[in-house]
Amino acid sequence: MPRKPGNPEPALTPEQLQEVERLGALQFRPAEVALVLGISGEWPEQGPCWTSYHRGRLRAEAEVRAAIHKAALQGSAPAQKQFGELATANRPRGR
């Protein structure tokens, strides 16, 4: 979320940043995380809140993809299809 002028990022404790990461992992939107924690939802890009949120979101996505990959390797046709779709959608562009 872009930060509005004069609206600094909330100063959060390490425990609160862990909660931001945990809620991000559960795929809550940033505005929902802010509401749960009672903080501003205006986080500067690359700041601690933004980083914690996206770290949680991406780690959870990686865990799900790993589970799909494992199931695909074990012969699950639906997992093989889903993994193929993920691979195609996320294939690097260009060279």
C-alpha atoms as a PDB file:
ATOM      1  CA  MET A   1       0.000   0.000   0.000  1.00  0.00           C
ATOM      2  CA  PRO A   2       1.442   3.390  -0.844  1.00  0.00           C
ATOM      3  CA  ARG A   3       2.064   5.703   2.060  1.00  0.00           C
ATOM      4  CA  LYS A   4       0.226   8.998   2.226  1.00  0.00           C
ATOM      5  CA  PRO A   5       2.322  12.093   3.019  1.00  0.00           C
ATOM      6  CA  GLY A   6       2.611  12.702   6.753  1.00  0.00           C
ATOM      7  CA  ASN A   7       1.405   9.184   7.562  1.00  0.00           C
ATOM      8  CA  PRO A   8       4.446   7.285   8.870  1.00  0.00           C
ATOM      9  CA  GLU A   9       4.600   3.522   9.118  1.00  0.00           C
ATOM     10  CA  PRO A  10       3.398   2.285  12.495  1.00  0.00           C
ATOM     11  CA  ALA A  11       6.208   1.383  14.905  1.00  0.00           C
ATOM     12  CA  LEU A  12       5.616  -2.266  15.682  1.00  0.00           C
ATOM     13  CA  THR A  13       7.229  -4.604  18.169  1.00  0.00           C
ATOM     14  CA  PRO A  14       8.951  -7.755  16.906  1.00  0.00           C
ATOM     15  CA  GLU A  15       5.939  -9.729  18.158  1.00  0.00           C
ATOM     16  CA  GLN A  16       3.546  -7.552  16.147  1.00  0.00           C
ATOM     17  CA  LEU A  17       5.683  -7.960  13.032  1.00  0.00           C
ATOM     18  CA  GLN A  18       5.538 -11.741  13.544  1.00  0.00           C
ATOM     19  CA  GLU A  19       1.757 -11.443  13.705  1.00  0.00           C
ATOM     20  CA  VAL A  20       1.755  -9.416  10.470  1.00  0.00           C
ATOM     21  CA  GLU A  21       3.778 -12.227   8.881  1.00  0.00           C
ATOM     22  CA  ARG A  22       1.463 -14.912  10.284  1.00  0.00           C
ATOM     23  CA  LEU A  23      -1.651 -13.157   9.009  1.00  0.00           C
ATOM     24  CA  GLY A  24       0.004 -12.581   5.642  1.00  0.00           C
ATOM     25  CA  ALA A  25       0.652 -16.332   5.491  1.00  0.00           C
ATOM     26  CA  LEU A  26      -3.077 -16.870   5.987  1.00  0.00           C
ATOM     27  CA  GLN A  27      -3.647 -14.676   2.902  1.00  0.00           C
ATOM     28  CA  PHE A  28      -5.398 -11.815   4.675  1.00  0.00           C
ATOM     29  CA  ARG A  29      -5.272  -8.535   2.761  1.00  0.00           C
ATOM     30  CA  PRO A  30      -3.036  -5.795   4.251  1.00  0.00           C
ATOM     31  CA  ALA A  31      -6.092  -3.737   5.244  1.00  0.00           C
ATOM     32  CA  GLU A  32      -7.471  -6.733   7.148  1.00  0.00           C
ATOM     33  CA  VAL A  33      -4.143  -7.292   8.918  1.00  0.00           C
ATOM     34  CA  ALA A  34      -4.084  -3.629   9.921  1.00  0.00           C
ATOM     35  CA  LEU A  35      -7.639  -3.860  11.246  1.00  0.00           C
ATOM     36  CA  VAL A  36      -6.880  -6.979  13.303  1.00  0.00           C
ATOM     37  CA  LEU A  37      -3.794  -5.348  14.823  1.00  0.00           C
ATOM     38  CA  GLY A  38      -5.367  -1.915  15.215  1.00  0.00           C
ATOM     39  CA  ILE A  39      -2.676  -0.188  13.152  1.00  0.00           C
ATOM     40  CA  SER A  40      -2.544   1.997  10.064  1.00  0.00           C
ATOM     41  CA  GLY A  41      -2.901   0.105   6.813  1.00  0.00           C
ATOM     42  CA  GLU A  42      -0.631   2.565   5.030  1.00  0.00           C
ATOM     43  CA  TRP A  43       2.720   0.760   4.809  1.00  0.00           C
ATOM     44  CA  PRO A  44       5.602   2.155   2.794  1.00  0.00           C
ATOM     45  CA  GLU A  45       6.896  -0.314   0.246  1.00  0.00           C
ATOM     46  CA  GLN A  46       9.959  -2.176   1.530  1.00  0.00           C
ATOM     47  CA  GLY A  47       9.301  -1.085   5.139  1.00  0.00           C
ATOM     48  CA  PRO A  48       9.124  -3.596   8.024  1.00  0.00           C
ATOM     49  CA  CYS A  49       5.332  -4.118   7.835  1.00  0.00           C
ATOM     50  CA  TRP A  50       5.370  -4.553   4.059  1.00  0.00           C
ATOM     51  CA  THR A  51       8.325  -6.952   4.267  1.00  0.00           C
ATOM     52  CA  SER A  52       6.799  -9.041   7.081  1.00  0.00           C
ATOM     53  CA  TYR A  53       3.458  -9.248   5.317  1.00  0.00           C
ATOM     54  CA  HIS A  54       4.896 -10.377   1.987  1.00  0.00           C
ATOM     55  CA  ARG A  55       7.386 -12.751   3.639  1.00  0.00           C
ATOM     56  CA  GLY A  56       4.487 -14.558   5.309  1.00  0.00           C
ATOM     57  CA  ARG A  57       2.362 -14.572   2.178  1.00  0.00           C
ATOM     58  CA  LEU A  58       5.154 -15.910  -0.021  1.00  0.00           C
ATOM     59  CA  ARG A  59       6.378 -18.513   2.477  1.00  0.00           C
ATOM     60  CA  ALA A  60       2.854 -19.918   2.736  1.00  0.00           C
ATOM     61  CA  GLU A  61       2.546 -19.984  -1.039  1.00  0.00           C
ATOM     62  CA  ALA A  62       5.895 -21.797  -1.240  1.00  0.00           C
ATOM     63  CA  GLU A  63       4.671 -24.417   1.263  1.00  0.00           C
ATOM     64  CA  VAL A  64       1.532 -25.035  -0.784  1.00  0.00           C
ATOM     65  CA  ARG A  65       3.533 -25.276  -3.997  1.00  0.00           C
ATOM     66  CA  ALA A  66       5.908 -27.744  -2.337  1.00  0.00           C
ATOM     67  CA  ALA A  67       2.921 -29.884  -1.312  1.00  0.00           C
ATOM     68  CA  ILE A  68       1.547 -29.758  -4.871  1.00  0.00           C
ATOM     69  CA  HIS A  69       4.987 -30.691  -6.227  1.00  0.00           C
ATOM     70  CA  LYS A  70       5.280 -33.628  -3.824  1.00  0.00           C
ATOM     71  CA  ALA A  71       1.801 -34.887  -4.756  1.00  0.00           C
ATOM     72  CA  ALA A  72       2.615 -34.495  -8.453  1.00  0.00           C
ATOM     73  CA  LEU A  73       5.793 -36.561  -8.046  1.00  0.00           C
ATOM     74  CA  GLN A  74       3.745 -39.237  -6.282  1.00  0.00           C
ATOM     75  CA  GLY A  75       1.509 -39.546  -9.335  1.00  0.00           C
ATOM     76  CA  SER A  76      -1.478 -37.331  -8.503  1.00  0.00           C
ATOM     77  CA  ALA A  77      -2.920 -36.301 -11.870  1.00  0.00           C
ATOM     78  CA  PRO A  78      -4.709 -33.208 -10.463  1.00  0.00           C
ATOM     79  CA  ALA A  79      -1.478 -32.107  -8.745  1.00  0.00           C
ATOM     80  CA  GLN A  80       0.511 -32.694 -11.945  1.00  0.00           C
ATOM     81  CA  LYS A  81      -1.954 -30.532 -13.862  1.00  0.00           C
ATOM     82  CA  GLN A  82      -1.894 -27.800 -11.214  1.00  0.00           C
ATOM     83  CA  PHE A  83       1.896 -27.834 -10.990  1.00  0.00           C
ATOM     84  CA  GLY A  84       2.166 -27.602 -14.776  1.00  0.00           C
ATOM     85  CA  GLU A  85      -0.169 -24.607 -14.755  1.00  0.00           C
ATOM     86  CA  LEU A  86       1.899 -22.944 -12.005  1.00  0.00           C
ATOM     87  CA  ALA A  87       5.110 -23.599 -13.911  1.00  0.00           C
ATOM     88  CA  THR A  88       3.682 -22.141 -17.113  1.00  0.00           C
ATOM     89  CA  ALA A  89       2.197 -19.083 -15.395  1.00  0.00           C
ATOM     90  CA  ASN A  90       5.439 -18.316 -13.550  1.00  0.00           C
ATOM     91  CA  ARG A  91       7.934 -19.115 -16.310  1.00  0.00           C
ATOM     92  CA  PRO A  92      10.538 -16.335 -16.652  1.00  0.00           C
ATOM     93  CA  ARG A  93       9.949 -14.099 -19.646  1.00  0.00           C
ATOM     94  CA  GLY A  94      12.637 -13.184 -22.159  1.00  0.00           C
ATOM     95  CA  ARG A  95      15.943 -14.974 -22.490  1.00  0.00           C
END
